[in-house]
Amino acid sequence: MLPRLSSDRFTAEAGYRVMVQVPAPEAAALRAAILSEDPLQWGDYDQVSHETGGVQRFRSLPGGVNAATEAAVEVPCLELSFFLPDGAARLERVIRAIYRAHPYEEPVIQVVAALRTRHIRGLDEDNPNRFWNRADADWLPDAHRRGVPGTPQPGTEDTREA
């Protein structure tokens, strides 16, 4: 059972953390299949996911499409993870998309009950730790950097045409 959180700083939402392992060269196609079923929205952002690189190890057993192997084999892979709000229909659509797009006979998919937090808009915007209140960090995408043409600056309205 997930805890109920109450705060004047953030809201909490129940849902699922979905993690799927995929060979690195196949990750973009899998992500596109997932996004065709759900925008992966998180507040004012969408297409929100995380990838962690690693190595997947497995030994093929008799009975599958692949030949059985005596020893475990290794495949460079990524683990793609994302949050889905509560809802069985949405979760099932996304998992079906994963099965359609995944190159494996038996994709490694884990679904875990989770809580996500979301900020309450308008609070803490003057916090000196926020990227817009300090010098641009190396990790900051160009779209959010000061002085990049077409980029709205903090504290100004976005006047770009839609």
Protein backbone atom coordinates (compact mmCIF):
# COMPACT_ATOMS: atom_id res chain seq x y z
CA MET A 1 0.00 0.00 0.00
CA LEU A 2 1.35 3.40 -0.95
CA PRO A 3 1.30 6.19 1.62
CA ARG A 4 -1.00 9.18 1.33
CA LEU A 5 1.08 12.34 1.31
CA SER A 6 -0.26 15.79 2.04
CA SER A 7 1.90 18.88 1.57
CA ASP A 8 1.59 22.56 0.81
CA ARG A 9 4.72 22.22 -1.41
CA PHE A 10 3.79 19.31 -3.70
CA THR A 11 1.04 16.92 -4.71
CA ALA A 12 1.38 13.14 -4.90
CA GLU A 13 -0.18 10.88 -7.52
CA ALA A 14 -0.45 7.10 -7.52
CA GLY A 15 0.43 5.11 -10.60
CA TYR A 16 3.03 2.73 -11.99
CA ARG A 17 6.73 2.85 -12.66
CA VAL A 18 7.33 0.82 -15.80
CA MET A 19 10.83 -0.44 -16.57
CA VAL A 20 11.77 -2.28 -19.73
CA GLN A 21 15.16 -3.53 -20.88
CA VAL A 22 15.95 -3.22 -24.57
CA PRO A 23 19.09 -3.55 -26.72
CA ALA A 24 20.52 -0.04 -27.04
CA PRO A 25 20.07 0.24 -30.86
CA GLU A 26 16.36 -0.58 -30.47
CA ALA A 27 15.60 1.98 -27.72
CA ALA A 28 14.43 4.83 -29.98
CA ALA A 29 11.90 2.62 -31.78
CA LEU A 30 10.59 1.27 -28.48
CA ARG A 31 10.28 4.78 -27.04
CA ALA A 32 8.34 5.86 -30.16
CA ALA A 33 5.95 2.90 -29.76
CA ILE A 34 5.34 3.82 -26.12
CA LEU A 35 4.74 7.47 -27.02
CA SER A 36 2.24 6.42 -29.69
CA GLU A 37 0.06 5.17 -26.82
CA ASP A 38 0.80 7.70 -24.07
CA PRO A 39 2.51 11.13 -24.01
CA LEU A 40 4.31 10.33 -20.71
CA GLN A 41 3.28 13.68 -19.29
CA TRP A 42 4.71 15.01 -16.03
CA GLY A 43 3.30 18.42 -15.18
CA ASP A 44 4.36 20.97 -17.79
CA TYR A 45 6.47 18.37 -19.63
CA ASP A 46 5.77 15.31 -21.76
CA GLN A 47 7.90 12.51 -23.23
CA VAL A 48 9.41 12.14 -19.73
CA SER A 49 11.47 8.97 -19.39
CA HIS A 50 14.84 7.83 -18.12
CA GLU A 51 17.40 5.47 -19.64
CA THR A 52 20.17 3.68 -17.82
CA GLY A 53 22.82 1.78 -19.74
CA GLY A 54 24.10 -1.62 -18.82
CA VAL A 55 24.46 -5.22 -19.85
CA GLN A 56 21.66 -7.77 -19.91
CA ARG A 57 22.64 -11.37 -19.22
CA PHE A 58 20.54 -14.42 -19.96
CA ARG A 59 20.71 -18.07 -20.90
CA SER A 60 18.26 -19.38 -23.48
CA LEU A 61 16.37 -22.44 -22.32
CA PRO A 62 14.95 -25.17 -24.57
CA GLY A 63 11.49 -24.51 -25.98
CA GLY A 64 11.83 -20.89 -27.07
CA VAL A 65 12.35 -19.53 -30.55
CA ASN A 66 16.09 -19.14 -29.92
CA ALA A 67 18.41 -22.10 -29.62
CA ALA A 68 19.22 -23.08 -26.05
CA THR A 69 22.62 -21.84 -24.85
CA GLU A 70 24.93 -23.62 -22.44
CA ALA A 71 26.13 -20.44 -20.82
CA ALA A 72 24.64 -17.01 -20.29
CA VAL A 73 25.17 -14.48 -23.08
CA GLU A 74 25.46 -10.70 -22.76
CA VAL A 75 23.72 -7.95 -24.70
CA PRO A 76 24.46 -4.22 -24.26
CA CYS A 77 21.10 -2.77 -23.31
CA LEU A 78 19.28 0.17 -21.81
CA GLU A 79 16.65 0.12 -19.15
CA LEU A 80 13.93 2.57 -20.09
CA SER A 81 11.74 3.68 -17.20
CA PHE A 82 8.75 5.99 -17.00
CA PHE A 83 5.67 6.74 -14.89
CA LEU A 84 2.06 6.10 -15.85
CA PRO A 85 -0.84 7.45 -13.80
CA ASP A 86 -3.18 4.88 -12.28
CA GLY A 87 -5.36 3.13 -14.83
CA ALA A 88 -5.34 -0.45 -16.06
CA ALA A 89 -6.47 0.39 -19.60
CA ARG A 90 -3.64 2.87 -20.15
CA LEU A 91 -1.08 0.46 -18.68
CA GLU A 92 -2.30 -2.40 -20.87
CA ARG A 93 -2.15 -0.24 -24.04
CA VAL A 94 1.44 0.75 -23.29
CA ILE A 95 2.53 -2.81 -22.50
CA ARG A 96 0.92 -4.06 -25.72
CA ALA A 97 2.88 -1.38 -27.61
CA ILE A 98 6.08 -2.60 -25.94
CA TYR A 99 5.36 -6.18 -27.03
CA ARG A 100 4.66 -5.04 -30.61
CA ALA A 101 7.88 -3.03 -30.90
CA HIS A 102 10.32 -5.04 -28.77
CA PRO A 103 12.79 -7.32 -30.61
CA TYR A 104 12.69 -10.04 -27.92
CA GLU A 105 10.41 -13.04 -27.64
CA GLU A 106 10.21 -12.39 -23.88
CA PRO A 107 10.75 -8.69 -23.15
CA VAL A 108 11.93 -7.89 -19.63
CA ILE A 109 9.16 -5.60 -18.38
CA GLN A 110 8.61 -4.73 -14.74
CA VAL A 111 5.65 -2.76 -13.40
CA VAL A 112 5.80 -1.43 -9.85
CA ALA A 113 3.18 0.54 -7.93
CA ALA A 114 4.61 4.02 -7.36
CA LEU A 115 3.94 7.55 -6.20
CA ARG A 116 5.16 10.57 -8.09
CA THR A 117 5.32 14.08 -6.75
CA ARG A 118 4.50 17.25 -8.64
CA HIS A 119 5.37 20.79 -7.65
CA ILE A 120 2.67 23.32 -6.89
CA ARG A 121 3.05 25.99 -9.55
CA GLY A 122 4.26 29.38 -8.34
CA LEU A 123 6.06 28.14 -5.23
CA ASP A 124 9.80 28.34 -4.72
CA GLU A 125 10.51 29.97 -8.10
CA ASP A 126 13.12 32.28 -6.55
CA ASN A 127 15.07 29.33 -5.09
CA PRO A 128 18.77 29.90 -5.95
CA ASN A 129 19.15 26.20 -6.81
CA ARG A 130 16.73 26.40 -9.75
CA PHE A 131 18.59 26.41 -13.06
CA TRP A 132 16.98 29.68 -14.17
CA ASN A 133 18.31 31.49 -11.07
CA ARG A 134 21.97 30.70 -11.67
CA ALA A 135 24.56 30.54 -14.43
CA ASP A 136 23.79 28.05 -17.20
CA ALA A 137 25.06 24.57 -16.32
CA ASP A 138 26.76 22.32 -18.88
CA TRP A 139 23.85 19.86 -18.75
CA LEU A 140 21.23 22.50 -19.60
CA PRO A 141 19.60 21.91 -23.02
CA ASP A 142 20.13 24.72 -25.56
CA ALA A 143 16.38 25.39 -25.56
CA HIS A 144 16.65 26.53 -21.93
CA ARG A 145 19.90 28.54 -22.15
CA ARG A 146 19.99 32.30 -21.87
CA GLY A 147 21.03 34.15 -24.98
CA VAL A 148 20.07 31.39 -27.43
CA PRO A 149 17.89 32.93 -30.19
CA GLY A 150 14.22 31.95 -29.87
CA THR A 151 14.59 30.95 -26.22
CA PRO A 152 12.25 32.70 -23.78
CA GLN A 153 14.10 34.18 -20.83
CA PRO A 154 13.01 33.64 -17.23
CA GLY A 155 10.55 36.30 -16.14
CA THR A 156 9.52 37.21 -19.70
CA GLU A 157 6.58 36.09 -21.75
CA ASP A 158 7.13 33.75 -24.65
CA THR A 159 6.35 35.85 -27.71
CA ARG A 160 7.31 33.25 -30.30
CA GLU A 161 4.61 32.38 -32.81
CA ALA A 162 2.88 29.05 -32.27
